[in-house]
Amino acid sequence: GHEQLLKMMEERMMDVEQKLRLVKRLLQDKVNQLKEQLSKNTKADAMVKDLYVENAQLLKALEATEQRQKSAERKNYLLEEKIANLNRIVRNLASPSFSS
C-alpha cells in the first residue's frame, strides 16, 4: 500500500509539473503578445502625436492663406474702385471735348 501511495503521489506530481509547464508556456505567449501590442500602441501613439502637430501646422497655414486671400480681395476691391473712378474721370474729360 505504501509503495502504491508513493507511486500515485509521484504520478500526480509529474502531472502537476506538466500542467505547470503548460501554464507557464501559455503565460509566456500571453506576455509576448502583450509586449507586441504595447509596442504597436506606442508606435500608434507617436503617430497620433505627429498627426496632431501636423494638423496644428496645417491649420496655421490655412489661417495665413485665408488672411492673404482676404487681403487680396480687399486690394482687388480698392483697385476696382480706382478703375471705376478713373473711368468716370476719363468720361468727364472726354465729354466736353466732344461737345465743343
C-alpha atoms as a PDB file:
ATOM      1  CA  GLY A   1       0.000   0.000   0.000  1.00  0.00           C
ATOM      2  CA  HIS A   2       2.813   2.336   0.877  1.00  0.00           C
ATOM      3  CA  GLU A   3       4.592   1.748  -2.462  1.00  0.00           C
ATOM      4  CA  GLN A   4       1.308   2.193  -4.312  1.00  0.00           C
ATOM      5  CA  LEU A   5       0.673   5.503  -2.476  1.00  0.00           C
ATOM      6  CA  LEU A   6       4.179   6.775  -3.303  1.00  0.00           C
ATOM      7  CA  LYS A   7       3.733   5.827  -6.953  1.00  0.00           C
ATOM      8  CA  MET A   8       0.369   7.643  -7.091  1.00  0.00           C
ATOM      9  CA  MET A   9       1.882  10.708  -5.435  1.00  0.00           C
ATOM     10  CA  GLU A  10       4.775  10.665  -7.914  1.00  0.00           C
ATOM     11  CA  GLU A  11       2.396  10.407 -10.883  1.00  0.00           C
ATOM     12  CA  ARG A  12       0.303  13.287  -9.537  1.00  0.00           C
ATOM     13  CA  MET A  13       3.461  15.382  -9.070  1.00  0.00           C
ATOM     14  CA  MET A  14       4.524  14.682 -12.670  1.00  0.00           C
ATOM     15  CA  ASP A  15       1.030  15.561 -13.867  1.00  0.00           C
ATOM     16  CA  VAL A  16       1.073  18.819 -11.878  1.00  0.00           C
ATOM     17  CA  GLU A  17       4.559  19.670 -13.196  1.00  0.00           C
ATOM     18  CA  GLN A  18       3.412  19.041 -16.761  1.00  0.00           C
ATOM     19  CA  LYS A  19       0.353  21.279 -16.234  1.00  0.00           C
ATOM     20  CA  LEU A  20       2.559  23.966 -14.679  1.00  0.00           C
ATOM     21  CA  ARG A  21       4.892  23.881 -17.695  1.00  0.00           C
ATOM     22  CA  LEU A  22       1.882  24.225 -19.987  1.00  0.00           C
ATOM     23  CA  VAL A  23       0.546  27.158 -17.950  1.00  0.00           C
ATOM     24  CA  LYS A  24       3.995  28.767 -17.944  1.00  0.00           C
ATOM     25  CA  ARG A  25       4.207  28.418 -21.740  1.00  0.00           C
ATOM     26  CA  LEU A  26       0.722  29.896 -22.139  1.00  0.00           C
ATOM     27  CA  LEU A  27       1.600  32.788 -19.828  1.00  0.00           C
ATOM     28  CA  GLN A  28       4.813  33.451 -21.735  1.00  0.00           C
ATOM     29  CA  ASP A  29       2.855  33.512 -25.013  1.00  0.00           C
ATOM     30  CA  LYS A  30       0.440  35.985 -23.458  1.00  0.00           C
ATOM     31  CA  VAL A  31       3.327  38.146 -22.182  1.00  0.00           C
ATOM     32  CA  ASN A  32       4.870  38.160 -25.676  1.00  0.00           C
ATOM     33  CA  GLN A  33       1.512  39.055 -27.203  1.00  0.00           C
ATOM     34  CA  LEU A  34       1.038  41.923 -24.731  1.00  0.00           C
ATOM     35  CA  LYS A  35       4.576  43.211 -25.344  1.00  0.00           C
ATOM     36  CA  GLU A  36       3.897  43.233 -29.075  1.00  0.00           C
ATOM     37  CA  GLN A  37       0.595  45.050 -28.517  1.00  0.00           C
ATOM     38  CA  LEU A  38       2.328  47.598 -26.280  1.00  0.00           C
ATOM     39  CA  SER A  39       4.917  48.210 -28.989  1.00  0.00           C
ATOM     40  CA  LYS A  40       2.179  48.726 -31.595  1.00  0.00           C
ATOM     41  CA  ASN A  41       0.281  51.048 -29.241  1.00  0.00           C
ATOM     42  CA  THR A  42       3.420  53.076 -28.575  1.00  0.00           C
ATOM     43  CA  LYS A  43       4.022  53.488 -32.314  1.00  0.00           C
ATOM     44  CA  ALA A  44       0.371  54.412 -32.882  1.00  0.00           C
ATOM     45  CA  ASP A  45       0.543  56.938 -30.033  1.00  0.00           C
ATOM     46  CA  ALA A  46       3.621  58.552 -31.577  1.00  0.00           C
ATOM     47  CA  MET A  47       1.869  58.704 -34.960  1.00  0.00           C
ATOM     48  CA  VAL A  48      -1.195  60.330 -33.384  1.00  0.00           C
ATOM     49  CA  LYS A  49       1.026  62.951 -31.721  1.00  0.00           C
ATOM     50  CA  ASP A  50       2.800  63.611 -35.035  1.00  0.00           C
ATOM     51  CA  LEU A  51      -0.546  63.971 -36.816  1.00  0.00           C
ATOM     52  CA  TYR A  52      -1.773  66.333 -34.096  1.00  0.00           C
ATOM     53  CA  VAL A  53       1.284  68.561 -34.578  1.00  0.00           C
ATOM     54  CA  GLU A  54       0.983  68.389 -38.363  1.00  0.00           C
ATOM     55  CA  ASN A  55      -2.719  69.255 -38.135  1.00  0.00           C
ATOM     56  CA  ALA A  56      -1.924  72.303 -35.991  1.00  0.00           C
ATOM     57  CA  GLN A  57       0.669  73.437 -38.549  1.00  0.00           C
ATOM     58  CA  LEU A  58      -1.794  72.946 -41.396  1.00  0.00           C
ATOM     59  CA  LEU A  59      -4.435  74.965 -39.536  1.00  0.00           C
ATOM     60  CA  LYS A  60      -1.953  77.836 -39.067  1.00  0.00           C
ATOM     61  CA  ALA A  61      -1.059  77.674 -42.764  1.00  0.00           C
ATOM     62  CA  LEU A  62      -4.758  77.662 -43.688  1.00  0.00           C
ATOM     63  CA  GLU A  63      -5.434  80.690 -41.477  1.00  0.00           C
ATOM     64  CA  ALA A  64      -2.495  82.555 -43.033  1.00  0.00           C
ATOM     65  CA  THR A  65      -3.754  81.668 -46.534  1.00  0.00           C
ATOM     66  CA  GLU A  66      -7.259  82.850 -45.666  1.00  0.00           C
ATOM     67  CA  GLN A  67      -5.821  86.138 -44.353  1.00  0.00           C
ATOM     68  CA  ARG A  68      -3.837  86.613 -47.569  1.00  0.00           C
ATOM     69  CA  GLN A  69      -6.961  85.865 -49.603  1.00  0.00           C
ATOM     70  CA  LYS A  70      -8.982  88.458 -47.640  1.00  0.00           C
ATOM     71  CA  SER A  71      -6.200  90.987 -48.098  1.00  0.00           C
ATOM     72  CA  ALA A  72      -6.058  90.263 -51.838  1.00  0.00           C
ATOM     73  CA  GLU A  73      -9.837  90.613 -52.074  1.00  0.00           C
ATOM     74  CA  ARG A  74      -9.681  93.998 -50.273  1.00  0.00           C
ATOM     75  CA  LYS A  75      -6.896  95.210 -52.586  1.00  0.00           C
ATOM     76  CA  ASN A  76      -8.857  93.967 -55.599  1.00  0.00           C
ATOM     77  CA  TYR A  77     -11.956  95.835 -54.416  1.00  0.00           C
ATOM     78  CA  LEU A  78      -9.929  99.044 -53.936  1.00  0.00           C
ATOM     79  CA  LEU A  79      -8.389  98.652 -57.398  1.00  0.00           C
ATOM     80  CA  GLU A  80     -11.834  98.179 -58.941  1.00  0.00           C
ATOM     81  CA  GLU A  81     -12.999 101.351 -57.163  1.00  0.00           C
ATOM     82  CA  LYS A  82      -9.975 103.253 -58.524  1.00  0.00           C
ATOM     83  CA  ILE A  83     -10.616 101.909 -62.040  1.00  0.00           C
ATOM     84  CA  ALA A  84     -14.264 102.976 -61.823  1.00  0.00           C
ATOM     85  CA  ASN A  85     -13.214 106.445 -60.626  1.00  0.00           C
ATOM     86  CA  LEU A  86     -10.597 106.727 -63.399  1.00  0.00           C
ATOM     87  CA  ASN A  87     -13.195 105.672 -65.987  1.00  0.00           C
ATOM     88  CA  ARG A  88     -15.563 108.348 -64.625  1.00  0.00           C
ATOM     89  CA  ILE A  89     -12.787 110.966 -64.842  1.00  0.00           C
ATOM     90  CA  VAL A  90     -11.904 109.913 -68.411  1.00  0.00           C
ATOM     91  CA  ARG A  91     -15.591 110.110 -69.405  1.00  0.00           C
ATOM     92  CA  ASN A  92     -15.899 113.550 -67.813  1.00  0.00           C
ATOM     93  CA  LEU A  93     -12.745 114.753 -69.558  1.00  0.00           C
ATOM     94  CA  ALA A  94     -13.871 113.328 -72.879  1.00  0.00           C
ATOM     95  CA  SER A  95     -17.416 114.757 -72.724  1.00  0.00           C
ATOM     96  CA  PRO A  96     -16.558 118.481 -73.090  1.00  0.00           C
ATOM     97  CA  SER A  97     -14.145 117.845 -75.949  1.00  0.00           C
ATOM     98  CA  PHE A  98     -16.857 116.028 -77.926  1.00  0.00           C
ATOM     99  CA  SER A  99     -19.376 118.773 -77.336  1.00  0.00           C
ATOM    100  CA  SER A 100     -17.037 121.570 -78.359  1.00  0.00           C
END
